[in-house]
Amino acid sequence: MATSYLQNGPTRRQTGEPFDIACKVMLLGDSGVGKTCLLVRFKDGAFLSGSFISTVGIDYKNKIVELEESRIKLQIWDTAGQERFRSITHAYYRDSHALLLLYDVTNESSFENIRAWLAEIYEYASSDVIIMLLGNKADLAKQRVVTREQGEKLAKDHNVAFMETSAKTGLNVDLAFMAIARDIKHRRSKNPADHKFNLEQYVETQRERHSCCS
């Protein structure tokens, strides 16, 4: 039986801060697309520059965010993209509440492989899992080979939210995780009106607002 990480709170582990809701988020995508860098940017506000060791198997970090008087604990799992670790990560799909699926906008094969990743998600994850597609490394404009329009079309074809991100500059990184947290909060709300929250529309609205303000 899958273990649920969603809890009604406030709750306190033996060590750590209290929280009202907890959810499990997985970062997926080919090796080298920037999953670990994205996580470090969100968790610590830093960028892993230079060479570092790729994730082996699976690892996770926790971060508690505040959203409309609720404290939401995001348990974020960073997965290895290499094929030999795929069977390990499959076991973690089922009880995940949200999946952030990354490709590298400078690497066409990482984009082409998104459909294979989605096929795995449909096979192993729960039917109501939240999925967001992220085109990472958007700061590398001169090396870009995958257009924003291609990413938007793929996301639309699979009815998932989409945005481009940059772990280096922080572009849309917080927005991606906070949008997931907001969706989880609405799903757990006892107010039926909250269940009408649309992640794709919210992301699009926030992207437009941030673009106007930048």
N, C-alpha and C. Protein backbone atom coordinates (compact mmCIF):
# COMPACT_ATOMS: atom_id res chain seq x y z
N MET A 1 0.85 -1.19 0.00
CA MET A 1 0.00 0.00 0.00
C MET A 1 0.88 1.24 0.00
N ALA A 2 0.53 2.21 -0.79
CA ALA A 2 1.32 3.43 -0.86
C ALA A 2 1.15 4.24 0.41
N THR A 3 2.22 4.83 0.86
CA THR A 3 2.20 5.66 2.05
C THR A 3 1.84 7.08 1.67
N SER A 4 0.88 7.66 2.36
CA SER A 4 0.49 9.04 2.07
C SER A 4 1.32 9.99 2.89
N TYR A 5 1.88 11.01 2.24
CA TYR A 5 2.63 12.03 2.94
C TYR A 5 1.77 13.25 3.24
N LEU A 6 0.53 13.24 2.76
CA LEU A 6 -0.36 14.36 3.04
C LEU A 6 -0.92 14.21 4.44
N GLN A 7 -0.83 15.27 5.23
CA GLN A 7 -1.31 15.21 6.59
C GLN A 7 -2.05 16.48 6.92
N ASN A 8 -3.00 16.36 7.84
CA ASN A 8 -3.65 17.54 8.38
C ASN A 8 -2.94 17.89 9.67
N GLY A 9 -2.66 19.17 9.86
CA GLY A 9 -1.78 19.56 10.94
C GLY A 9 -2.46 20.50 11.91
N PRO A 10 -1.62 21.28 12.64
CA PRO A 10 -0.18 21.28 12.42
C PRO A 10 0.49 20.04 12.98
N THR A 11 1.59 19.63 12.37
CA THR A 11 2.32 18.43 12.73
C THR A 11 3.77 18.79 12.93
N ARG A 12 4.43 18.11 13.85
CA ARG A 12 5.85 18.30 14.05
C ARG A 12 6.55 16.94 14.09
N ARG A 13 7.56 16.77 13.27
CA ARG A 13 8.37 15.57 13.35
C ARG A 13 9.20 15.65 14.63
N GLN A 14 9.93 14.59 14.96
CA GLN A 14 10.79 14.61 16.12
C GLN A 14 11.81 15.74 16.00
N THR A 15 12.25 16.02 14.80
CA THR A 15 13.12 17.16 14.55
C THR A 15 12.53 17.93 13.39
N GLY A 16 12.59 19.26 13.45
CA GLY A 16 12.08 20.05 12.34
C GLY A 16 10.96 20.97 12.77
N GLU A 17 10.51 21.76 11.81
CA GLU A 17 9.49 22.76 12.06
C GLU A 17 8.10 22.18 11.89
N PRO A 18 7.09 22.78 12.55
CA PRO A 18 5.71 22.33 12.38
C PRO A 18 5.19 22.70 11.00
N PHE A 19 4.24 21.92 10.51
CA PHE A 19 3.62 22.20 9.20
C PHE A 19 2.18 21.74 9.21
N ASP A 20 1.40 22.27 8.30
CA ASP A 20 -0.01 21.93 8.20
C ASP A 20 -0.28 20.84 7.17
N ILE A 21 0.42 20.91 6.06
CA ILE A 21 0.25 19.95 4.97
C ILE A 21 1.63 19.53 4.49
N ALA A 22 1.78 18.27 4.13
CA ALA A 22 3.04 17.81 3.53
C ALA A 22 2.75 17.11 2.22
N CYS A 23 3.63 17.28 1.27
CA CYS A 23 3.45 16.60 -0.01
C CYS A 23 4.79 16.17 -0.57
N LYS A 24 4.76 15.12 -1.34
CA LYS A 24 5.95 14.56 -1.96
C LYS A 24 6.02 15.00 -3.42
N VAL A 25 7.11 15.65 -3.78
CA VAL A 25 7.34 16.15 -5.13
C VAL A 25 8.57 15.45 -5.71
N MET A 26 8.47 14.98 -6.95
CA MET A 26 9.62 14.35 -7.60
C MET A 26 10.09 15.19 -8.78
N LEU A 27 11.41 15.28 -8.93
CA LEU A 27 12.02 15.91 -10.08
C LEU A 27 12.45 14.82 -11.04
N LEU A 28 11.96 14.87 -12.27
CA LEU A 28 12.24 13.84 -13.26
C LEU A 28 12.83 14.45 -14.53
N GLY A 29 13.51 13.62 -15.31
CA GLY A 29 14.09 14.07 -16.57
C GLY A 29 15.45 13.44 -16.79
N ASP A 30 15.95 13.59 -18.00
CA ASP A 30 17.25 13.01 -18.35
C ASP A 30 18.36 13.53 -17.45
N SER A 31 19.44 12.78 -17.41
CA SER A 31 20.63 13.21 -16.67
C SER A 31 21.18 14.48 -17.30
N GLY A 32 21.52 15.45 -16.48
CA GLY A 32 22.14 16.67 -16.97
C GLY A 32 21.19 17.80 -17.31
N VAL A 33 19.88 17.62 -17.09
CA VAL A 33 18.94 18.69 -17.44
C VAL A 33 18.86 19.77 -16.36
N GLY A 34 19.45 19.50 -15.19
CA GLY A 34 19.50 20.52 -14.15
C GLY A 34 18.57 20.30 -12.97
N LYS A 35 18.19 19.05 -12.71
CA LYS A 35 17.27 18.77 -11.60
C LYS A 35 17.87 19.16 -10.26
N THR A 36 19.11 18.72 -10.02
CA THR A 36 19.75 19.03 -8.75
C THR A 36 19.96 20.54 -8.60
N CYS A 37 20.36 21.21 -9.66
CA CYS A 37 20.57 22.66 -9.61
C CYS A 37 19.26 23.39 -9.32
N LEU A 38 18.16 22.91 -9.90
CA LEU A 38 16.86 23.52 -9.66
C LEU A 38 16.48 23.38 -8.19
N LEU A 39 16.71 22.19 -7.63
CA LEU A 39 16.38 21.94 -6.23
C LEU A 39 17.22 22.81 -5.30
N VAL A 40 18.52 22.90 -5.57
CA VAL A 40 19.40 23.71 -4.72
C VAL A 40 19.03 25.19 -4.81
N ARG A 41 18.66 25.65 -6.01
CA ARG A 41 18.23 27.04 -6.16
C ARG A 41 17.00 27.32 -5.31
N PHE A 42 16.03 26.41 -5.34
CA PHE A 42 14.81 26.62 -4.57
C PHE A 42 15.06 26.46 -3.07
N LYS A 43 15.81 25.44 -2.70
CA LYS A 43 16.02 25.15 -1.28
C LYS A 43 16.94 26.17 -0.62
N ASP A 44 18.05 26.50 -1.27
CA ASP A 44 19.08 27.32 -0.64
C ASP A 44 19.31 28.67 -1.32
N GLY A 45 18.65 28.90 -2.46
CA GLY A 45 18.85 30.16 -3.16
C GLY A 45 20.22 30.28 -3.78
N ALA A 46 20.85 29.15 -4.06
CA ALA A 46 22.21 29.13 -4.61
C ALA A 46 22.23 28.41 -5.95
N PHE A 47 23.33 28.61 -6.69
CA PHE A 47 23.49 27.93 -7.97
C PHE A 47 24.75 27.08 -7.93
N LEU A 48 24.62 25.82 -8.33
CA LEU A 48 25.76 24.91 -8.37
C LEU A 48 26.53 25.16 -9.66
N SER A 49 27.54 25.98 -9.59
CA SER A 49 28.34 26.26 -10.78
C SER A 49 29.49 25.27 -10.88
N GLY A 50 29.99 25.10 -12.10
CA GLY A 50 31.10 24.17 -12.31
C GLY A 50 30.65 22.73 -12.31
N SER A 51 31.59 21.83 -12.11
CA SER A 51 31.31 20.39 -12.16
C SER A 51 30.90 19.87 -10.79
N PHE A 52 29.93 18.96 -10.79
CA PHE A 52 29.55 18.29 -9.56
C PHE A 52 29.09 16.89 -9.91
N ILE A 53 29.05 16.04 -8.91
CA ILE A 53 28.71 14.64 -9.14
C ILE A 53 27.21 14.49 -9.39
N SER A 54 26.84 13.78 -10.44
CA SER A 54 25.44 13.56 -10.75
C SER A 54 24.78 12.75 -9.64
N THR A 55 23.48 12.97 -9.49
CA THR A 55 22.72 12.23 -8.49
C THR A 55 22.78 10.73 -8.78
N VAL A 56 23.05 9.96 -7.73
CA VAL A 56 23.09 8.50 -7.86
C VAL A 56 21.85 7.94 -7.17
N GLY A 57 20.99 7.31 -7.95
CA GLY A 57 19.76 6.76 -7.38
C GLY A 57 18.75 7.86 -7.11
N ILE A 58 18.56 8.17 -5.82
CA ILE A 58 17.54 9.15 -5.45
C ILE A 58 17.91 9.79 -4.12
N ASP A 59 17.60 11.06 -3.98
CA ASP A 59 17.88 11.81 -2.76
C ASP A 59 16.75 12.81 -2.56
N TYR A 60 16.64 13.38 -1.37
CA TYR A 60 15.56 14.36 -1.18
C TYR A 60 15.96 15.44 -0.19
N LYS A 61 15.26 16.56 -0.30
CA LYS A 61 15.40 17.67 0.63
C LYS A 61 14.01 18.18 0.99
N ASN A 62 13.90 18.72 2.20
CA ASN A 62 12.63 19.28 2.65
C ASN A 62 12.70 20.80 2.67
N LYS A 63 11.59 21.43 2.34
CA LYS A 63 11.46 22.86 2.52
C LYS A 63 10.02 23.20 2.87
N ILE A 64 9.85 24.00 3.92
CA ILE A 64 8.53 24.43 4.32
C ILE A 64 8.27 25.83 3.78
N VAL A 65 7.15 25.98 3.09
CA VAL A 65 6.78 27.28 2.53
C VAL A 65 5.47 27.72 3.16
N GLU A 66 5.27 29.03 3.23
CA GLU A 66 4.04 29.58 3.79
C GLU A 66 3.15 30.09 2.67
N LEU A 67 1.89 29.71 2.75
CA LEU A 67 0.94 30.07 1.70
C LEU A 67 -0.42 30.31 2.33
N GLU A 68 -0.82 31.58 2.36
CA GLU A 68 -2.14 31.94 2.88
C GLU A 68 -2.40 31.33 4.25
N GLU A 69 -1.48 31.62 5.17
CA GLU A 69 -1.57 31.21 6.57
C GLU A 69 -1.42 29.70 6.77
N SER A 70 -1.03 28.98 5.76
CA SER A 70 -0.75 27.55 5.88
C SER A 70 0.73 27.31 5.67
N ARG A 71 1.26 26.36 6.43
CA ARG A 71 2.66 25.96 6.27
C ARG A 71 2.68 24.62 5.54
N ILE A 72 3.29 24.62 4.38
CA ILE A 72 3.29 23.42 3.53
C ILE A 72 4.70 22.87 3.43
N LYS A 73 4.84 21.63 3.80
CA LYS A 73 6.15 20.97 3.73
C LYS A 73 6.28 20.25 2.39
N LEU A 74 7.23 20.70 1.59
CA LEU A 74 7.52 20.04 0.32
C LEU A 74 8.69 19.08 0.54
N GLN A 75 8.43 17.82 0.36
CA GLN A 75 9.49 16.81 0.41
C GLN A 75 9.87 16.55 -1.05
N ILE A 76 11.00 17.10 -1.46
CA ILE A 76 11.37 17.13 -2.87
C ILE A 76 12.42 16.07 -3.16
N TRP A 77 12.07 15.12 -4.02
CA TRP A 77 12.94 14.01 -4.35
C TRP A 77 13.67 14.29 -5.67
N ASP A 78 14.97 14.22 -5.60
CA ASP A 78 15.84 14.44 -6.76
C ASP A 78 16.27 13.08 -7.29
N THR A 79 15.94 12.80 -8.54
CA THR A 79 16.17 11.46 -9.09
C THR A 79 17.29 11.45 -10.13
N ALA A 80 17.94 10.31 -10.25
CA ALA A 80 18.94 10.13 -11.29
C ALA A 80 18.24 9.91 -12.63
N GLY A 81 18.77 10.53 -13.68
CA GLY A 81 18.13 10.39 -14.98
C GLY A 81 18.63 9.22 -15.79
N GLN A 82 19.73 8.60 -15.34
CA GLN A 82 20.31 7.50 -16.13
C GLN A 82 19.38 6.28 -16.15
N GLU A 83 19.39 5.59 -17.26
CA GLU A 83 18.50 4.44 -17.46
C GLU A 83 18.69 3.38 -16.38
N ARG A 84 19.94 3.18 -15.93
CA ARG A 84 20.18 2.09 -14.98
C ARG A 84 19.54 2.33 -13.61
N PHE A 85 19.15 3.56 -13.34
CA PHE A 85 18.50 3.85 -12.07
C PHE A 85 16.98 3.93 -12.20
N ARG A 86 16.46 3.74 -13.38
CA ARG A 86 15.05 3.96 -13.64
C ARG A 86 14.15 3.05 -12.80
N SER A 87 14.56 1.79 -12.63
CA SER A 87 13.73 0.87 -11.85
C SER A 87 13.65 1.30 -10.38
N ILE A 88 14.69 1.99 -9.90
CA ILE A 88 14.67 2.47 -8.51
C ILE A 88 13.64 3.58 -8.37
N THR A 89 13.67 4.53 -9.29
CA THR A 89 12.78 5.68 -9.18
C THR A 89 11.32 5.32 -9.43
N HIS A 90 11.08 4.27 -10.21
CA HIS A 90 9.70 3.86 -10.47
C HIS A 90 8.95 3.60 -9.16
N ALA A 91 9.64 3.06 -8.17
CA ALA A 91 9.00 2.71 -6.91
C ALA A 91 8.51 3.94 -6.15
N TYR A 92 9.05 5.11 -6.48
CA TYR A 92 8.68 6.33 -5.77
C TYR A 92 7.54 7.09 -6.47
N TYR A 93 7.17 6.68 -7.67
CA TYR A 93 6.14 7.39 -8.42
C TYR A 93 4.78 7.33 -7.73
N ARG A 94 4.42 6.15 -7.25
CA ARG A 94 3.04 5.90 -6.87
C ARG A 94 2.53 6.82 -5.77
N ASP A 95 3.36 7.12 -4.78
CA ASP A 95 2.87 7.96 -3.68
C ASP A 95 3.32 9.41 -3.80
N SER A 96 3.75 9.80 -5.00
CA SER A 96 4.09 11.21 -5.23
C SER A 96 2.83 12.01 -5.52
N HIS A 97 2.80 13.22 -5.02
CA HIS A 97 1.64 14.08 -5.25
C HIS A 97 1.86 15.03 -6.42
N ALA A 98 3.12 15.29 -6.75
CA ALA A 98 3.43 16.18 -7.87
C ALA A 98 4.74 15.76 -8.52
N LEU A 99 4.81 15.94 -9.82
CA LEU A 99 6.01 15.59 -10.59
C LEU A 99 6.42 16.78 -11.44
N LEU A 100 7.65 17.24 -11.27
CA LEU A 100 8.21 18.28 -12.12
C LEU A 100 9.11 17.60 -13.13
N LEU A 101 8.73 17.65 -14.40
CA LEU A 101 9.42 16.95 -15.47
C LEU A 101 10.25 17.96 -16.26
N LEU A 102 11.58 17.78 -16.23
CA LEU A 102 12.49 18.75 -16.82
C LEU A 102 13.12 18.27 -18.12
N TYR A 103 13.34 19.22 -19.02
CA TYR A 103 14.23 19.01 -20.15
C TYR A 103 15.15 20.23 -20.24
N ASP A 104 16.21 20.09 -21.01
CA ASP A 104 17.20 21.15 -21.20
C ASP A 104 16.94 21.80 -22.55
N VAL A 105 16.68 23.12 -22.56
CA VAL A 105 16.34 23.79 -23.82
C VAL A 105 17.52 23.81 -24.79
N THR A 106 18.72 23.45 -24.33
CA THR A 106 19.89 23.39 -25.21
C THR A 106 20.20 21.96 -25.65
N ASN A 107 19.34 21.02 -25.26
CA ASN A 107 19.57 19.60 -25.56
C ASN A 107 18.30 19.00 -26.16
N GLU A 108 18.31 18.83 -27.48
CA GLU A 108 17.10 18.37 -28.16
C GLU A 108 16.68 16.97 -27.72
N SER A 109 17.64 16.09 -27.48
CA SER A 109 17.28 14.72 -27.10
C SER A 109 16.56 14.69 -25.75
N SER A 110 16.94 15.58 -24.84
CA SER A 110 16.26 15.61 -23.54
C SER A 110 14.80 16.03 -23.70
N PHE A 111 14.52 16.85 -24.71
CA PHE A 111 13.14 17.24 -25.02
C PHE A 111 12.39 16.10 -25.70
N GLU A 112 13.06 15.45 -26.65
CA GLU A 112 12.43 14.33 -27.35
C GLU A 112 12.09 13.18 -26.40
N ASN A 113 12.87 13.04 -25.34
CA ASN A 113 12.63 11.95 -24.39
C ASN A 113 11.50 12.23 -23.42
N ILE A 114 10.95 13.45 -23.45
CA ILE A 114 9.86 13.79 -22.53
C ILE A 114 8.66 12.86 -22.71
N ARG A 115 8.37 12.49 -23.95
CA ARG A 115 7.23 11.61 -24.18
C ARG A 115 7.43 10.25 -23.51
N ALA A 116 8.67 9.76 -23.52
CA ALA A 116 8.95 8.49 -22.85
C ALA A 116 8.80 8.64 -21.34
N TRP A 117 9.24 9.77 -20.81
CA TRP A 117 9.05 10.03 -19.37
C TRP A 117 7.57 10.10 -19.03
N LEU A 118 6.80 10.75 -19.87
CA LEU A 118 5.36 10.84 -19.62
C LEU A 118 4.70 9.46 -19.66
N ALA A 119 5.17 8.61 -20.56
CA ALA A 119 4.63 7.25 -20.63
C ALA A 119 4.89 6.50 -19.32
N GLU A 120 6.07 6.70 -18.74
CA GLU A 120 6.38 6.07 -17.46
C GLU A 120 5.51 6.63 -16.35
N ILE A 121 5.30 7.95 -16.38
CA ILE A 121 4.45 8.58 -15.38
C ILE A 121 3.04 8.00 -15.44
N TYR A 122 2.50 7.88 -16.65
CA TYR A 122 1.14 7.34 -16.79
C TYR A 122 1.06 5.89 -16.33
N GLU A 123 2.17 5.18 -16.45
CA GLU A 123 2.17 3.76 -16.04
C GLU A 123 2.35 3.59 -14.54
N TYR A 124 3.20 4.39 -13.92
CA TYR A 124 3.57 4.13 -12.53
C TYR A 124 2.99 5.11 -11.51
N ALA A 125 2.63 6.32 -11.92
CA ALA A 125 2.14 7.31 -10.96
C ALA A 125 0.63 7.20 -10.80
N SER A 126 0.11 7.83 -9.75
CA SER A 126 -1.34 7.82 -9.54
C SER A 126 -2.02 8.68 -10.60
N SER A 127 -3.28 8.39 -10.85
CA SER A 127 -3.98 9.06 -11.94
C SER A 127 -4.21 10.54 -11.68
N ASP A 128 -4.21 10.95 -10.40
CA ASP A 128 -4.48 12.35 -10.08
C ASP A 128 -3.21 13.13 -9.73
N VAL A 129 -2.04 12.57 -10.08
CA VAL A 129 -0.79 13.26 -9.77
C VAL A 129 -0.71 14.58 -10.54
N ILE A 130 -0.12 15.60 -9.91
CA ILE A 130 0.08 16.89 -10.55
C ILE A 130 1.35 16.82 -11.39
N ILE A 131 1.27 17.24 -12.65
CA ILE A 131 2.43 17.19 -13.54
C ILE A 131 2.70 18.59 -14.08
N MET A 132 3.97 19.01 -14.02
CA MET A 132 4.37 20.27 -14.61
C MET A 132 5.61 20.04 -15.46
N LEU A 133 5.59 20.56 -16.68
CA LEU A 133 6.73 20.44 -17.60
C LEU A 133 7.57 21.71 -17.50
N LEU A 134 8.89 21.53 -17.32
CA LEU A 134 9.79 22.67 -17.18
C LEU A 134 10.90 22.60 -18.22
N GLY A 135 11.02 23.66 -19.02
CA GLY A 135 12.14 23.79 -19.95
C GLY A 135 13.25 24.54 -19.25
N ASN A 136 14.25 23.83 -18.75
CA ASN A 136 15.28 24.42 -17.92
C ASN A 136 16.46 24.97 -18.75
N LYS A 137 17.30 25.75 -18.08
CA LYS A 137 18.47 26.41 -18.67
C LYS A 137 18.07 27.47 -19.69
N ALA A 138 16.96 28.15 -19.40
CA ALA A 138 16.46 29.18 -20.31
C ALA A 138 17.40 30.38 -20.42
N ASP A 139 18.37 30.47 -19.53
CA ASP A 139 19.33 31.58 -19.59
C ASP A 139 20.34 31.40 -20.73
N LEU A 140 20.47 30.17 -21.25
CA LEU A 140 21.45 29.89 -22.30
C LEU A 140 20.83 30.17 -23.68
N ALA A 141 20.52 31.41 -23.93
CA ALA A 141 19.78 31.79 -25.14
C ALA A 141 20.54 31.43 -26.42
N LYS A 142 21.84 31.61 -26.43
CA LYS A 142 22.63 31.36 -27.64
C LYS A 142 22.75 29.87 -27.96
N GLN A 143 22.61 29.03 -26.94
CA GLN A 143 22.71 27.58 -27.15
C GLN A 143 21.35 26.90 -27.31
N ARG A 144 20.29 27.67 -27.22
CA ARG A 144 18.94 27.10 -27.27
C ARG A 144 18.69 26.39 -28.61
N VAL A 145 18.10 25.17 -28.51
CA VAL A 145 17.68 24.43 -29.71
C VAL A 145 16.20 24.05 -29.64
N VAL A 146 15.60 24.19 -28.46
CA VAL A 146 14.17 23.89 -28.29
C VAL A 146 13.46 25.21 -27.98
N THR A 147 12.50 25.58 -28.82
CA THR A 147 11.81 26.85 -28.64
C THR A 147 10.77 26.75 -27.53
N ARG A 148 10.41 27.92 -27.00
CA ARG A 148 9.34 27.97 -26.01
C ARG A 148 8.04 27.42 -26.60
N GLU A 149 7.79 27.72 -27.86
CA GLU A 149 6.56 27.26 -28.51
C GLU A 149 6.49 25.74 -28.57
N GLN A 150 7.64 25.09 -28.78
CA GLN A 150 7.66 23.62 -28.79
C GLN A 150 7.29 23.07 -27.41
N GLY A 151 7.83 23.68 -26.39
CA GLY A 151 7.49 23.24 -25.03
C GLY A 151 6.04 23.46 -24.71
N GLU A 152 5.51 24.62 -25.10
CA GLU A 152 4.11 24.92 -24.85
C GLU A 152 3.19 23.94 -25.56
N LYS A 153 3.54 23.60 -26.80
CA LYS A 153 2.71 22.68 -27.57
C LYS A 153 2.70 21.29 -26.95
N LEU A 154 3.88 20.82 -26.53
CA LEU A 154 3.96 19.50 -25.92
C LEU A 154 3.14 19.45 -24.63
N ALA A 155 3.25 20.50 -23.84
CA ALA A 155 2.49 20.55 -22.59
C ALA A 155 0.99 20.57 -22.87
N LYS A 156 0.59 21.34 -23.87
CA LYS A 156 -0.82 21.41 -24.23
C LYS A 156 -1.33 20.07 -24.73
N ASP A 157 -0.51 19.37 -25.52
CA ASP A 157 -0.90 18.05 -26.03
C ASP A 157 -1.18 17.06 -24.90
N HIS A 158 -0.45 17.23 -23.79
CA HIS A 158 -0.60 16.30 -22.67
C HIS A 158 -1.35 16.91 -21.49
N ASN A 159 -1.91 18.11 -21.72
CA ASN A 159 -2.75 18.76 -20.71
C ASN A 159 -2.02 18.94 -19.38
N VAL A 160 -0.79 19.46 -19.44
CA VAL A 160 -0.03 19.73 -18.23
C VAL A 160 0.44 21.19 -18.26
N ALA A 161 0.73 21.71 -17.09
CA ALA A 161 1.24 23.08 -16.98
C ALA A 161 2.67 23.14 -17.51
N PHE A 162 3.07 24.34 -17.97
CA PHE A 162 4.40 24.49 -18.55
C PHE A 162 4.99 25.86 -18.22
N MET A 163 6.29 25.88 -17.99
CA MET A 163 7.02 27.14 -17.93
C MET A 163 8.50 26.84 -18.18
N GLU A 164 9.22 27.88 -18.58
CA GLU A 164 10.66 27.75 -18.72
C GLU A 164 11.33 28.28 -17.45
N THR A 165 12.43 27.65 -17.07
CA THR A 165 13.11 28.00 -15.82
C THR A 165 14.61 28.14 -16.05
N SER A 166 15.26 28.74 -15.07
CA SER A 166 16.71 28.81 -15.06
C SER A 166 17.18 28.68 -13.62
N ALA A 167 17.89 27.60 -13.33
CA ALA A 167 18.45 27.44 -11.99
C ALA A 167 19.55 28.47 -11.74
N LYS A 168 20.17 28.93 -12.81
CA LYS A 168 21.26 29.90 -12.67
C LYS A 168 20.75 31.27 -12.27
N THR A 169 19.73 31.77 -12.96
CA THR A 169 19.20 33.10 -12.66
C THR A 169 18.04 33.07 -11.67
N GLY A 170 17.46 31.89 -11.47
CA GLY A 170 16.29 31.77 -10.60
C GLY A 170 14.97 31.98 -11.31
N LEU A 171 15.01 32.17 -12.64
CA LEU A 171 13.79 32.42 -13.41
C LEU A 171 12.74 31.33 -13.16
N ASN A 172 11.59 31.75 -12.63
CA ASN A 172 10.41 30.89 -12.44
C ASN A 172 10.63 29.69 -11.51
N VAL A 173 11.76 29.61 -10.84
CA VAL A 173 12.01 28.45 -9.97
C VAL A 173 11.05 28.45 -8.79
N ASP A 174 11.00 29.56 -8.06
CA ASP A 174 10.07 29.64 -6.93
C ASP A 174 8.63 29.49 -7.40
N LEU A 175 8.31 30.10 -8.54
CA LEU A 175 6.95 30.02 -9.07
C LEU A 175 6.53 28.58 -9.32
N ALA A 176 7.43 27.77 -9.87
CA ALA A 176 7.11 26.37 -10.16
C ALA A 176 6.74 25.61 -8.88
N PHE A 177 7.57 25.73 -7.86
CA PHE A 177 7.31 25.00 -6.62
C PHE A 177 6.11 25.57 -5.86
N MET A 178 5.96 26.89 -5.85
CA MET A 178 4.85 27.50 -5.14
C MET A 178 3.52 27.21 -5.83
N ALA A 179 3.53 27.09 -7.16
CA ALA A 179 2.31 26.72 -7.88
C ALA A 179 1.88 25.31 -7.49
N ILE A 180 2.86 24.41 -7.37
CA ILE A 180 2.56 23.05 -6.93
C ILE A 180 1.98 23.07 -5.51
N ALA A 181 2.61 23.84 -4.63
CA ALA A 181 2.14 23.92 -3.25
C ALA A 181 0.71 24.46 -3.20
N ARG A 182 0.42 25.46 -4.03
CA ARG A 182 -0.91 26.05 -4.06
C ARG A 182 -1.95 25.04 -4.53
N ASP A 183 -1.60 24.26 -5.56
CA ASP A 183 -2.52 23.24 -6.06
C ASP A 183 -2.80 22.20 -4.97
N ILE A 184 -1.76 21.74 -4.30
CA ILE A 184 -1.92 20.78 -3.20
C ILE A 184 -2.83 21.35 -2.13
N LYS A 185 -2.60 22.60 -1.76
CA LYS A 185 -3.42 23.23 -0.71
C LYS A 185 -4.88 23.27 -1.12
N HIS A 186 -5.15 23.63 -2.37
CA HIS A 186 -6.54 23.68 -2.84
C HIS A 186 -7.18 22.30 -2.83
N ARG A 187 -6.41 21.30 -3.21
CA ARG A 187 -6.96 19.94 -3.23
C ARG A 187 -7.30 19.44 -1.84
N ARG A 188 -6.56 19.92 -0.84
CA ARG A 188 -6.78 19.48 0.54
C ARG A 188 -7.81 20.34 1.27
N SER A 189 -8.26 21.41 0.63
CA SER A 189 -9.20 22.32 1.28
C SER A 189 -10.56 21.66 1.49
N LYS A 190 -11.22 22.04 2.57
CA LYS A 190 -12.57 21.54 2.84
C LYS A 190 -13.63 22.39 2.16
N ASN A 191 -13.18 23.47 1.52
CA ASN A 191 -14.10 24.34 0.79
C ASN A 191 -14.23 23.83 -0.65
N PRO A 192 -15.42 23.36 -1.06
CA PRO A 192 -15.59 22.80 -2.41
C PRO A 192 -15.16 23.76 -3.52
N ALA A 193 -15.30 25.07 -3.29
CA ALA A 193 -14.94 26.05 -4.32
C ALA A 193 -13.44 26.01 -4.62
N ASP A 194 -12.64 25.65 -3.62
CA ASP A 194 -11.19 25.61 -3.81
C ASP A 194 -10.77 24.53 -4.79
N HIS A 195 -11.59 23.50 -4.93
CA HIS A 195 -11.22 22.37 -5.78
C HIS A 195 -11.27 22.72 -7.27
N LYS A 196 -11.74 23.92 -7.59
CA LYS A 196 -11.82 24.34 -8.98
C LYS A 196 -10.52 25.01 -9.45
N PHE A 197 -9.52 25.01 -8.60
CA PHE A 197 -8.22 25.61 -8.95
C PHE A 197 -7.65 24.95 -10.20
N ASN A 198 -7.21 25.77 -11.16
CA ASN A 198 -6.65 25.26 -12.41
C ASN A 198 -5.17 25.64 -12.47
N LEU A 199 -4.30 24.65 -12.35
CA LEU A 199 -2.87 24.90 -12.29
C LEU A 199 -2.34 25.56 -13.55
N GLU A 200 -2.78 25.07 -14.73
CA GLU A 200 -2.29 25.62 -15.99
C GLU A 200 -2.65 27.10 -16.13
N GLN A 201 -3.88 27.44 -15.79
CA GLN A 201 -4.31 28.84 -15.88
C GLN A 201 -3.56 29.70 -14.88
N TYR A 202 -3.35 29.19 -13.68
CA TYR A 202 -2.63 29.95 -12.66
C TYR A 202 -1.20 30.24 -13.10
N VAL A 203 -0.53 29.22 -13.61
CA VAL A 203 0.85 29.39 -14.06
C VAL A 203 0.93 30.41 -15.18
N GLU A 204 0.01 30.32 -16.13
CA GLU A 204 0.02 31.25 -17.26
C GLU A 204 -0.21 32.68 -16.77
N THR A 205 -1.14 32.85 -15.86
CA THR A 205 -1.43 34.19 -15.31
C THR A 205 -0.21 34.76 -14.59
N GLN A 206 0.43 33.92 -13.77
CA GLN A 206 1.59 34.39 -13.01
C GLN A 206 2.77 34.69 -13.93
N ARG A 207 2.95 33.89 -14.97
CA ARG A 207 4.02 34.14 -15.92
C ARG A 207 3.83 35.49 -16.60
N GLU A 208 2.60 35.77 -16.99
CA GLU A 208 2.30 37.03 -17.66
C GLU A 208 2.52 38.21 -16.70
N ARG A 209 2.13 38.04 -15.45
CA ARG A 209 2.28 39.10 -14.47
C ARG A 209 3.75 39.39 -14.20
N HIS A 210 4.53 38.32 -14.06
CA HIS A 210 5.95 38.49 -13.80
C HIS A 210 6.65 39.13 -15.01
N SER A 211 6.19 38.75 -16.22
CA SER A 211 6.78 39.31 -17.43
C SER A 211 6.54 40.81 -17.52
N CYS A 212 5.33 41.22 -17.12
CA CYS A 212 4.98 42.64 -17.16
C CYS A 212 5.77 43.44 -16.14
N CYS A 213 6.08 42.79 -15.02
CA CYS A 213 6.76 43.49 -13.93
C CYS A 213 8.27 43.50 -14.11
N SER A 214 8.81 42.62 -14.96
CA SER A 214 10.25 42.50 -15.10
C SER A 214 10.80 43.57 -16.03
